[in-house]
């Protein structure tokens, strides 16, 4: 098994943290369908990219 570089581990961690925080925002507001939509403003570039990616997959 190849070793994972520390940089990749950090990026993966930041990505997963951003995705969890985005999902938590919508769950807290009970916004789980288009009818329940609420505003979301990403707080950093990682969150912005992940939010855009999540929107494309929806």
PDB file of N, CA and C in Angstrom:
ATOM      1  N   UNK A   1       0.839  -1.172   0.000  1.00  0.00           N
ATOM      2  CA  UNK A   1       0.000   0.000   0.000  1.00  0.00           C
ATOM      3  C   UNK A   1       0.886   1.239   0.000  1.00  0.00           C
ATOM      4  N   UNK A   2       0.565   2.201  -0.839  1.00  0.00           N
ATOM      5  CA  UNK A   2       1.354   3.422  -0.941  1.00  0.00           C
ATOM      6  C   UNK A   2       0.981   4.388   0.187  1.00  0.00           C
ATOM      7  N   UNK A   3       1.969   5.109   0.653  1.00  0.00           N
ATOM      8  CA  UNK A   3       1.727   6.093   1.710  1.00  0.00           C
ATOM      9  C   UNK A   3       1.022   7.317   1.127  1.00  0.00           C
ATOM     10  N   UNK A   4       0.114   7.884   1.890  1.00  0.00           N
ATOM     11  CA  UNK A   4      -0.585   9.091   1.474  1.00  0.00           C
ATOM     12  C   UNK A   4       0.190  10.278   2.001  1.00  0.00           C
ATOM     13  N   UNK A   5       0.419  11.257   1.132  1.00  0.00           N
ATOM     14  CA  UNK A   5       1.184  12.418   1.568  1.00  0.00           C
ATOM     15  C   UNK A   5       0.381  13.238   2.571  1.00  0.00           C
ATOM     16  N   UNK A   6       1.064  13.909   3.484  1.00  0.00           N
ATOM     17  CA  UNK A   6       0.367  14.731   4.473  1.00  0.00           C
ATOM     18  C   UNK A   6      -0.511  15.806   3.825  1.00  0.00           C
ATOM     19  N   UNK A   7      -0.055  16.364   2.704  1.00  0.00           N
ATOM     20  CA  UNK A   7      -0.831  17.393   2.019  1.00  0.00           C
ATOM     21  C   UNK A   7      -2.172  16.872   1.540  1.00  0.00           C
ATOM     22  N   UNK A   8      -2.176  15.670   0.990  1.00  0.00           N
ATOM     23  CA  UNK A   8      -3.428  15.089   0.515  1.00  0.00           C
ATOM     24  C   UNK A   8      -4.371  14.783   1.680  1.00  0.00           C
ATOM     25  N   UNK A   9      -3.818  14.337   2.782  1.00  0.00           N
ATOM     26  CA  UNK A   9      -4.640  14.070   3.963  1.00  0.00           C
ATOM     27  C   UNK A   9      -5.284  15.352   4.484  1.00  0.00           C
ATOM     28  N   UNK A  10      -4.540  16.434   4.471  1.00  0.00           N
ATOM     29  CA  UNK A  10      -5.069  17.717   4.934  1.00  0.00           C
ATOM     30  C   UNK A  10      -6.191  18.190   4.022  1.00  0.00           C
ATOM     31  N   UNK A  11      -5.980  18.099   2.717  1.00  0.00           N
ATOM     32  CA  UNK A  11      -6.995  18.514   1.744  1.00  0.00           C
ATOM     33  C   UNK A  11      -8.253  17.663   1.894  1.00  0.00           C
ATOM     34  N   UNK A  12      -8.081  16.363   2.033  1.00  0.00           N
ATOM     35  CA  UNK A  12      -9.230  15.473   2.203  1.00  0.00           C
ATOM     36  C   UNK A  12      -9.994  15.822   3.477  1.00  0.00           C
ATOM     37  N   UNK A  13      -9.283  16.124   4.528  1.00  0.00           N
ATOM     38  CA  UNK A  13      -9.926  16.503   5.786  1.00  0.00           C
ATOM     39  C   UNK A  13     -10.693  17.811   5.664  1.00  0.00           C
ATOM     40  N   UNK A  14     -10.108  18.795   4.992  1.00  0.00           N
ATOM     41  CA  UNK A  14     -10.780  20.072   4.795  1.00  0.00           C
ATOM     42  C   UNK A  14     -12.034  19.902   3.948  1.00  0.00           C
ATOM     43  N   UNK A  15     -11.948  19.050   2.942  1.00  0.00           N
ATOM     44  CA  UNK A  15     -13.086  18.795   2.062  1.00  0.00           C
ATOM     45  C   UNK A  15     -14.227  18.147   2.835  1.00  0.00           C
ATOM     46  N   UNK A  16     -13.917  17.125   3.587  1.00  0.00           N
ATOM     47  CA  UNK A  16     -14.954  16.423   4.348  1.00  0.00           C
ATOM     48  C   UNK A  16     -15.560  17.331   5.422  1.00  0.00           C
ATOM     49  N   UNK A  17     -14.748  18.138   6.059  1.00  0.00           N
ATOM     50  CA  UNK A  17     -15.259  19.064   7.079  1.00  0.00           C
ATOM     51  C   UNK A  17     -16.219  20.067   6.445  1.00  0.00           C
ATOM     52  N   UNK A  18     -15.854  20.592   5.291  1.00  0.00           N
ATOM     53  CA  UNK A  18     -16.720  21.549   4.601  1.00  0.00           C
ATOM     54  C   UNK A  18     -18.049  20.901   4.235  1.00  0.00           C
ATOM     55  N   UNK A  19     -18.007  19.670   3.711  1.00  0.00           N
ATOM     56  CA  UNK A  19     -19.237  18.980   3.331  1.00  0.00           C
ATOM     57  C   UNK A  19     -20.132  18.717   4.542  1.00  0.00           C
ATOM     58  N   UNK A  20     -19.532  18.335   5.667  1.00  0.00           N
ATOM     59  CA  UNK A  20     -20.317  18.105   6.882  1.00  0.00           C
ATOM     60  C   UNK A  20     -20.970  19.392   7.378  1.00  0.00           C
ATOM     61  N   UNK A  21     -20.221  20.505   7.340  1.00  0.00           N
ATOM     62  CA  UNK A  21     -20.757  21.777   7.803  1.00  0.00           C
ATOM     63  C   UNK A  21     -21.890  22.263   6.896  1.00  0.00           C
ATOM     64  N   UNK A  22     -21.761  22.062   5.601  1.00  0.00           N
ATOM     65  CA  UNK A  22     -22.813  22.456   4.662  1.00  0.00           C
ATOM     66  C   UNK A  22     -24.070  21.640   4.935  1.00  0.00           C
ATOM     67  N   UNK A  23     -23.919  20.340   5.020  1.00  0.00           N
ATOM     68  CA  UNK A  23     -25.070  19.471   5.282  1.00  0.00           C
ATOM     69  C   UNK A  23     -25.718  19.840   6.611  1.00  0.00           C
ATOM     70  N   UNK A  24     -24.918  20.101   7.636  1.00  0.00           N
ATOM     71  CA  UNK A  24     -25.448  20.448   8.949  1.00  0.00           C
ATOM     72  C   UNK A  24     -26.268  21.735   8.888  1.00  0.00           C
ATOM     73  N   UNK A  25     -25.817  22.690   8.104  1.00  0.00           N
ATOM     74  CA  UNK A  25     -26.549  23.954   7.956  1.00  0.00           C
ATOM     75  C   UNK A  25     -27.981  23.687   7.491  1.00  0.00           C
ATOM     76  N   UNK A  26     -28.112  22.847   6.478  1.00  0.00           N
ATOM     77  CA  UNK A  26     -29.439  22.580   5.931  1.00  0.00           C
ATOM     78  C   UNK A  26     -30.281  21.705   6.861  1.00  0.00           C
ATOM     79  N   UNK A  27     -29.658  20.756   7.517  1.00  0.00           N
ATOM     80  CA  UNK A  27     -30.400  19.911   8.449  1.00  0.00           C
ATOM     81  C   UNK A  27     -30.911  20.706   9.643  1.00  0.00           C
ATOM     82  N   UNK A  28     -30.106  21.615  10.162  1.00  0.00           N
ATOM     83  CA  UNK A  28     -30.515  22.441  11.302  1.00  0.00           C
ATOM     84  C   UNK A  28     -31.756  23.259  10.952  1.00  0.00           C
ATOM     85  N   UNK A  29     -31.816  23.711   9.703  1.00  0.00           N
ATOM     86  CA  UNK A  29     -32.956  24.517   9.260  1.00  0.00           C
ATOM     87  C   UNK A  29     -34.072  23.668   8.667  1.00  0.00           C
ATOM     88  N   UNK A  30     -33.944  22.360   8.791  1.00  0.00           N
ATOM     89  CA  UNK A  30     -34.929  21.419   8.244  1.00  0.00           C
ATOM     90  C   UNK A  30     -35.168  21.651   6.756  1.00  0.00           C
ATOM     91  N   UNK A  31     -34.146  22.039   6.047  1.00  0.00           N
ATOM     92  CA  UNK A  31     -34.233  22.312   4.610  1.00  0.00           C
ATOM     93  C   UNK A  31     -33.702  21.101   3.852  1.00  0.00           C
ATOM     94  N   UNK A  32     -34.558  20.095   3.734  1.00  0.00           N
ATOM     95  CA  UNK A  32     -34.116  18.858   3.094  1.00  0.00           C
ATOM     96  C   UNK A  32     -34.764  18.641   1.730  1.00  0.00           C
ATOM     97  N   UNK A  33     -35.546  19.621   1.276  1.00  0.00           N
ATOM     98  CA  UNK A  33     -36.120  19.547  -0.072  1.00  0.00           C
ATOM     99  C   UNK A  33     -36.156  20.956  -0.656  1.00  0.00           C
ATOM    100  N   UNK A  34     -36.417  21.055  -1.940  1.00  0.00           N
ATOM    101  CA  UNK A  34     -36.456  22.362  -2.602  1.00  0.00           C
ATOM    102  C   UNK A  34     -37.517  23.273  -1.991  1.00  0.00           C
ATOM    103  N   UNK A  35     -38.609  22.696  -1.535  1.00  0.00           N
ATOM    104  CA  UNK A  35     -39.682  23.489  -0.931  1.00  0.00           C
ATOM    105  C   UNK A  35     -39.257  24.125   0.389  1.00  0.00           C
ATOM    106  N   UNK A  36     -38.260  23.558   1.037  1.00  0.00           N
ATOM    107  CA  UNK A  36     -37.783  24.037   2.333  1.00  0.00           C
ATOM    108  C   UNK A  36     -36.478  24.825   2.222  1.00  0.00           C
ATOM    109  N   UNK A  37     -36.164  25.313   1.041  1.00  0.00           N
ATOM    110  CA  UNK A  37     -34.874  25.955   0.774  1.00  0.00           C
ATOM    111  C   UNK A  37     -34.589  27.118   1.720  1.00  0.00           C
ATOM    112  N   UNK A  38     -33.326  27.240   2.102  1.00  0.00           N
ATOM    113  CA  UNK A  38     -32.839  28.363   2.902  1.00  0.00           C
ATOM    114  C   UNK A  38     -31.551  28.856   2.251  1.00  0.00           C
ATOM    115  N   UNK A  39     -31.186  30.066   2.563  1.00  0.00           N
ATOM    116  CA  UNK A  39     -29.959  30.642   2.010  1.00  0.00           C
ATOM    117  C   UNK A  39     -28.733  30.005   2.650  1.00  0.00           C
ATOM    118  N   UNK A  40     -27.671  29.933   1.874  1.00  0.00           N
ATOM    119  CA  UNK A  40     -26.384  29.458   2.386  1.00  0.00           C
ATOM    120  C   UNK A  40     -25.285  30.276   1.727  1.00  0.00           C
ATOM    121  N   UNK A  41     -24.382  30.823   2.530  1.00  0.00           N
ATOM    122  CA  UNK A  41     -23.249  31.591   2.024  1.00  0.00           C
ATOM    123  C   UNK A  41     -21.974  30.905   2.487  1.00  0.00           C
ATOM    124  N   UNK A  42     -21.228  30.298   1.553  1.00  0.00           N
ATOM    125  CA  UNK A  42     -19.974  29.630   1.928  1.00  0.00           C
ATOM    126  C   UNK A  42     -19.005  30.618   2.580  1.00  0.00           C
ATOM    127  N   UNK A  43     -18.295  30.142   3.592  1.00  0.00           N
ATOM    128  CA  UNK A  43     -17.400  30.997   4.357  1.00  0.00           C
ATOM    129  C   UNK A  43     -15.957  31.000   3.875  1.00  0.00           C
ATOM    130  N   UNK A  44     -15.624  30.083   2.962  1.00  0.00           N
ATOM    131  CA  UNK A  44     -14.257  30.015   2.468  1.00  0.00           C
ATOM    132  C   UNK A  44     -14.250  29.325   1.109  1.00  0.00           C
ATOM    133  N   UNK A  45     -13.142  29.378   0.389  1.00  0.00           N
ATOM    134  CA  UNK A  45     -13.087  28.785  -0.953  1.00  0.00           C
ATOM    135  C   UNK A  45     -13.345  27.277  -0.979  1.00  0.00           C
ATOM    136  N   UNK A  46     -12.919  26.562   0.044  1.00  0.00           N
ATOM    137  CA  UNK A  46     -13.149  25.113   0.082  1.00  0.00           C
ATOM    138  C   UNK A  46     -14.646  24.851   0.182  1.00  0.00           C
ATOM    139  N   UNK A  47     -15.323  25.567   1.062  1.00  0.00           N
ATOM    140  CA  UNK A  47     -16.766  25.403   1.212  1.00  0.00           C
ATOM    141  C   UNK A  47     -17.486  25.810  -0.071  1.00  0.00           C
ATOM    142  N   UNK A  48     -17.010  26.858  -0.725  1.00  0.00           N
ATOM    143  CA  UNK A  48     -17.621  27.300  -1.982  1.00  0.00           C
ATOM    144  C   UNK A  48     -17.550  26.199  -3.035  1.00  0.00           C
ATOM    145  N   UNK A  49     -16.371  25.599  -3.195  1.00  0.00           N
ATOM    146  CA  UNK A  49     -16.208  24.525  -4.192  1.00  0.00           C
ATOM    147  C   UNK A  49     -17.063  23.317  -3.848  1.00  0.00           C
ATOM    148  N   UNK A  50     -17.103  22.957  -2.583  1.00  0.00           N
ATOM    149  CA  UNK A  50     -17.889  21.789  -2.188  1.00  0.00           C
ATOM    150  C   UNK A  50     -19.386  22.044  -2.344  1.00  0.00           C
ATOM    151  N   UNK A  51     -19.834  23.255  -2.017  1.00  0.00           N
ATOM    152  CA  UNK A  51     -21.237  23.593  -2.175  1.00  0.00           C
ATOM    153  C   UNK A  51     -21.633  23.532  -3.652  1.00  0.00           C
ATOM    154  N   UNK A  52     -20.796  24.079  -4.521  1.00  0.00           N
ATOM    155  CA  UNK A  52     -21.077  24.019  -5.957  1.00  0.00           C
ATOM    156  C   UNK A  52     -21.117  22.573  -6.451  1.00  0.00           C
ATOM    157  N   UNK A  53     -20.207  21.772  -5.952  1.00  0.00           N
ATOM    158  CA  UNK A  53     -20.170  20.356  -6.341  1.00  0.00           C
ATOM    159  C   UNK A  53     -21.435  19.624  -5.859  1.00  0.00           C
ATOM    160  N   UNK A  54     -21.847  19.923  -4.632  1.00  0.00           N
ATOM    161  CA  UNK A  54     -23.054  19.306  -4.095  1.00  0.00           C
ATOM    162  C   UNK A  54     -24.290  19.731  -4.895  1.00  0.00           C
ATOM    163  N   UNK A  55     -24.326  20.976  -5.336  1.00  0.00           N
ATOM    164  CA  UNK A  55     -25.455  21.463  -6.132  1.00  0.00           C
ATOM    165  C   UNK A  55     -25.526  20.744  -7.477  1.00  0.00           C
ATOM    166  N   UNK A  56     -24.377  20.523  -8.089  1.00  0.00           N
ATOM    167  CA  UNK A  56     -24.354  19.832  -9.390  1.00  0.00           C
ATOM    168  C   UNK A  56     -24.855  18.394  -9.275  1.00  0.00           C
ATOM    169  N   UNK A  57     -24.585  17.759  -8.139  1.00  0.00           N
ATOM    170  CA  UNK A  57     -24.986  16.371  -7.952  1.00  0.00           C
ATOM    171  C   UNK A  57     -26.450  16.218  -7.568  1.00  0.00           C
ATOM    172  N   UNK A  58     -27.085  17.314  -7.179  1.00  0.00           N
ATOM    173  CA  UNK A  58     -28.490  17.243  -6.732  1.00  0.00           C
ATOM    174  C   UNK A  58     -29.435  17.074  -7.899  1.00  0.00           C
TER     175      UNK A  58
END
